[in-house]
């Protein structure tokens, strides 16, 4: 997820929050609409699903993208 932020978002800030059963990555970049889903997000979704998790990618409050993986 952080690699996608660095490569594609144009973000100035990226915050990663790690919890017991959840990882959240929020950036202030161009947003989900600016970067169509590519191989990085597809591959991440496959790995998350394979581990029994759930991936949600949505626009972040105030702009950018919010990605959450939960188990």
N, C-alpha and C. Protein backbone atom coordinates (compact mmCIF):
# COMPACT_ATOMS: atom_id res chain seq x y z
N UNK A 1 0.83 -1.19 0.00
CA UNK A 1 0.00 0.00 0.00
C UNK A 1 0.87 1.25 0.00
N UNK A 2 1.91 1.26 0.81
CA UNK A 2 2.78 2.43 0.86
C UNK A 2 3.52 2.60 -0.46
N UNK A 3 3.91 1.52 -1.09
CA UNK A 3 4.56 1.60 -2.40
C UNK A 3 3.63 2.29 -3.39
N UNK A 4 2.34 1.96 -3.37
CA UNK A 4 1.37 2.62 -4.26
C UNK A 4 1.29 4.11 -3.96
N UNK A 5 1.31 4.48 -2.70
CA UNK A 5 1.27 5.90 -2.34
C UNK A 5 2.47 6.61 -2.95
N UNK A 6 3.66 6.03 -2.77
CA UNK A 6 4.89 6.66 -3.26
C UNK A 6 4.89 6.75 -4.78
N UNK A 7 4.47 5.70 -5.45
CA UNK A 7 4.55 5.65 -6.91
C UNK A 7 3.45 6.43 -7.62
N UNK A 8 2.25 6.46 -7.06
CA UNK A 8 1.11 6.91 -7.85
C UNK A 8 0.30 8.07 -7.28
N UNK A 9 0.38 8.36 -6.01
CA UNK A 9 -0.59 9.28 -5.41
C UNK A 9 -0.23 10.75 -5.51
N UNK A 10 1.04 11.07 -5.56
CA UNK A 10 1.45 12.46 -5.47
C UNK A 10 1.28 13.03 -4.08
N UNK A 11 1.17 12.17 -3.09
CA UNK A 11 0.92 12.60 -1.71
C UNK A 11 2.14 13.27 -1.09
N UNK A 12 1.86 14.19 -0.20
CA UNK A 12 2.89 14.81 0.63
C UNK A 12 2.98 14.11 1.98
N UNK A 13 1.89 13.42 2.35
CA UNK A 13 1.82 12.79 3.67
C UNK A 13 1.15 11.44 3.55
N UNK A 14 1.67 10.46 4.29
CA UNK A 14 1.10 9.12 4.36
C UNK A 14 1.19 8.65 5.80
N UNK A 15 0.06 8.24 6.36
CA UNK A 15 0.01 7.79 7.75
C UNK A 15 -0.39 6.32 7.75
N UNK A 16 0.41 5.49 8.43
CA UNK A 16 0.13 4.06 8.55
C UNK A 16 -0.21 3.78 10.01
N UNK A 17 -1.37 3.18 10.24
CA UNK A 17 -1.81 2.82 11.58
C UNK A 17 -1.90 1.30 11.66
N UNK A 18 -1.19 0.72 12.61
CA UNK A 18 -1.20 -0.73 12.82
C UNK A 18 -1.94 -1.04 14.11
N UNK A 19 -2.92 -1.92 14.02
CA UNK A 19 -3.66 -2.38 15.18
C UNK A 19 -3.65 -3.90 15.20
N UNK A 20 -4.23 -4.48 16.20
CA UNK A 20 -4.18 -5.93 16.35
C UNK A 20 -4.76 -6.67 15.14
N UNK A 21 -5.87 -6.22 14.62
CA UNK A 21 -6.51 -6.92 13.50
C UNK A 21 -6.83 -5.97 12.35
N UNK A 22 -6.01 -4.89 12.23
CA UNK A 22 -6.32 -3.91 11.18
C UNK A 22 -5.07 -3.10 10.86
N UNK A 23 -4.93 -2.79 9.57
CA UNK A 23 -3.90 -1.86 9.09
C UNK A 23 -4.62 -0.81 8.26
N UNK A 24 -4.32 0.46 8.54
CA UNK A 24 -4.94 1.55 7.80
C UNK A 24 -3.83 2.43 7.23
N UNK A 25 -3.94 2.74 5.93
CA UNK A 25 -3.00 3.63 5.26
C UNK A 25 -3.81 4.77 4.67
N UNK A 26 -3.48 6.01 5.09
CA UNK A 26 -4.20 7.19 4.60
C UNK A 26 -3.18 8.15 4.01
N UNK A 27 -3.48 8.66 2.81
CA UNK A 27 -2.58 9.65 2.20
C UNK A 27 -3.38 10.87 1.78
N UNK A 28 -2.65 11.93 1.45
CA UNK A 28 -3.29 13.17 1.02
C UNK A 28 -3.05 13.44 -0.47
N UNK A 29 -2.91 12.38 -1.23
CA UNK A 29 -2.61 12.51 -2.66
C UNK A 29 -3.83 12.77 -3.51
N UNK A 30 -3.73 12.35 -4.77
CA UNK A 30 -4.74 12.64 -5.77
C UNK A 30 -6.06 11.93 -5.57
N UNK A 31 -6.10 10.92 -4.76
CA UNK A 31 -7.34 10.21 -4.48
C UNK A 31 -7.54 8.99 -5.35
N UNK A 32 -8.51 8.20 -4.98
CA UNK A 32 -8.81 6.93 -5.66
C UNK A 32 -9.19 7.17 -7.11
N UNK A 33 -9.95 8.23 -7.37
CA UNK A 33 -10.42 8.49 -8.73
C UNK A 33 -9.27 8.86 -9.66
N UNK A 34 -8.20 9.44 -9.13
CA UNK A 34 -7.08 9.88 -9.95
C UNK A 34 -6.20 8.72 -10.42
N UNK A 35 -6.25 7.60 -9.71
CA UNK A 35 -5.41 6.44 -10.05
C UNK A 35 -6.28 5.20 -10.15
N UNK A 36 -6.62 4.77 -11.35
CA UNK A 36 -7.43 3.57 -11.47
C UNK A 36 -6.71 2.36 -10.90
N UNK A 37 -7.49 1.39 -10.46
CA UNK A 37 -6.91 0.18 -9.86
C UNK A 37 -5.97 -0.51 -10.83
N UNK A 38 -4.77 -0.72 -10.40
CA UNK A 38 -3.77 -1.38 -11.23
C UNK A 38 -3.32 -2.68 -10.61
N UNK A 39 -2.21 -3.19 -11.09
CA UNK A 39 -1.70 -4.47 -10.61
C UNK A 39 -1.36 -4.45 -9.12
N UNK A 40 -0.89 -3.30 -8.62
CA UNK A 40 -0.53 -3.21 -7.21
C UNK A 40 -1.72 -3.45 -6.30
N UNK A 41 -2.81 -2.76 -6.54
CA UNK A 41 -4.01 -2.95 -5.71
C UNK A 41 -4.65 -4.31 -5.95
N UNK A 42 -4.63 -4.79 -7.18
CA UNK A 42 -5.17 -6.13 -7.45
C UNK A 42 -4.37 -7.19 -6.71
N UNK A 43 -3.05 -7.08 -6.76
CA UNK A 43 -2.20 -8.03 -6.06
C UNK A 43 -2.39 -7.96 -4.56
N UNK A 44 -2.52 -6.75 -4.03
CA UNK A 44 -2.76 -6.57 -2.60
C UNK A 44 -4.09 -7.20 -2.21
N UNK A 45 -5.12 -6.97 -3.02
CA UNK A 45 -6.44 -7.55 -2.74
C UNK A 45 -6.37 -9.08 -2.73
N UNK A 46 -5.62 -9.66 -3.64
CA UNK A 46 -5.48 -11.12 -3.69
C UNK A 46 -4.78 -11.65 -2.44
N UNK A 47 -3.71 -10.96 -2.03
CA UNK A 47 -2.98 -11.40 -0.83
C UNK A 47 -3.83 -11.25 0.44
N UNK A 48 -4.56 -10.15 0.51
CA UNK A 48 -5.43 -9.94 1.68
C UNK A 48 -6.50 -11.02 1.73
N UNK A 49 -7.15 -11.26 0.60
CA UNK A 49 -8.20 -12.28 0.53
C UNK A 49 -7.64 -13.66 0.89
N UNK A 50 -6.46 -13.96 0.39
CA UNK A 50 -5.82 -15.25 0.67
C UNK A 50 -5.50 -15.45 2.14
N UNK A 51 -5.36 -14.34 2.87
CA UNK A 51 -5.06 -14.44 4.30
C UNK A 51 -6.33 -14.37 5.15
N UNK A 52 -7.50 -14.35 4.48
CA UNK A 52 -8.76 -14.29 5.19
C UNK A 52 -9.17 -12.88 5.58
N UNK A 53 -8.53 -11.90 5.00
CA UNK A 53 -8.82 -10.51 5.34
C UNK A 53 -9.76 -9.85 4.37
N UNK A 54 -10.01 -8.58 4.65
CA UNK A 54 -10.90 -7.76 3.83
C UNK A 54 -10.18 -6.45 3.51
N UNK A 55 -10.20 -6.05 2.25
CA UNK A 55 -9.57 -4.82 1.80
C UNK A 55 -10.64 -3.83 1.38
N UNK A 56 -10.53 -2.59 1.90
CA UNK A 56 -11.44 -1.52 1.51
C UNK A 56 -10.58 -0.31 1.12
N UNK A 57 -10.83 0.23 -0.07
CA UNK A 57 -10.13 1.42 -0.54
C UNK A 57 -11.19 2.46 -0.88
N UNK A 58 -11.12 3.60 -0.20
CA UNK A 58 -12.12 4.66 -0.37
C UNK A 58 -11.44 6.02 -0.36
N UNK A 59 -12.14 7.05 -0.82
CA UNK A 59 -11.58 8.40 -0.69
C UNK A 59 -11.42 8.74 0.79
N UNK A 60 -10.33 9.42 1.12
CA UNK A 60 -10.09 9.85 2.50
C UNK A 60 -10.82 11.16 2.76
N UNK A 61 -11.22 11.36 3.98
CA UNK A 61 -11.83 12.64 4.36
C UNK A 61 -10.82 13.74 4.10
N UNK A 62 -11.22 14.76 3.38
CA UNK A 62 -10.33 15.87 3.10
C UNK A 62 -9.46 15.68 1.87
N UNK A 63 -9.64 14.58 1.15
CA UNK A 63 -8.85 14.31 -0.05
C UNK A 63 -7.86 13.20 0.16
N UNK A 64 -7.43 12.59 -0.90
CA UNK A 64 -6.51 11.47 -0.81
C UNK A 64 -7.23 10.14 -0.78
N UNK A 65 -6.56 9.14 -0.24
CA UNK A 65 -7.08 7.78 -0.25
C UNK A 65 -6.93 7.16 1.13
N UNK A 66 -7.91 6.34 1.50
CA UNK A 66 -7.86 5.57 2.75
C UNK A 66 -7.97 4.10 2.38
N UNK A 67 -6.97 3.33 2.75
CA UNK A 67 -6.94 1.89 2.50
C UNK A 67 -6.96 1.19 3.85
N UNK A 68 -7.88 0.25 4.02
CA UNK A 68 -7.96 -0.49 5.27
C UNK A 68 -7.98 -1.98 5.00
N UNK A 69 -7.13 -2.70 5.72
CA UNK A 69 -7.12 -4.16 5.70
C UNK A 69 -7.51 -4.62 7.09
N UNK A 70 -8.51 -5.48 7.17
CA UNK A 70 -8.92 -6.00 8.47
C UNK A 70 -9.10 -7.52 8.39
N UNK A 71 -8.91 -8.17 9.53
CA UNK A 71 -9.06 -9.62 9.63
C UNK A 71 -10.05 -9.97 10.71
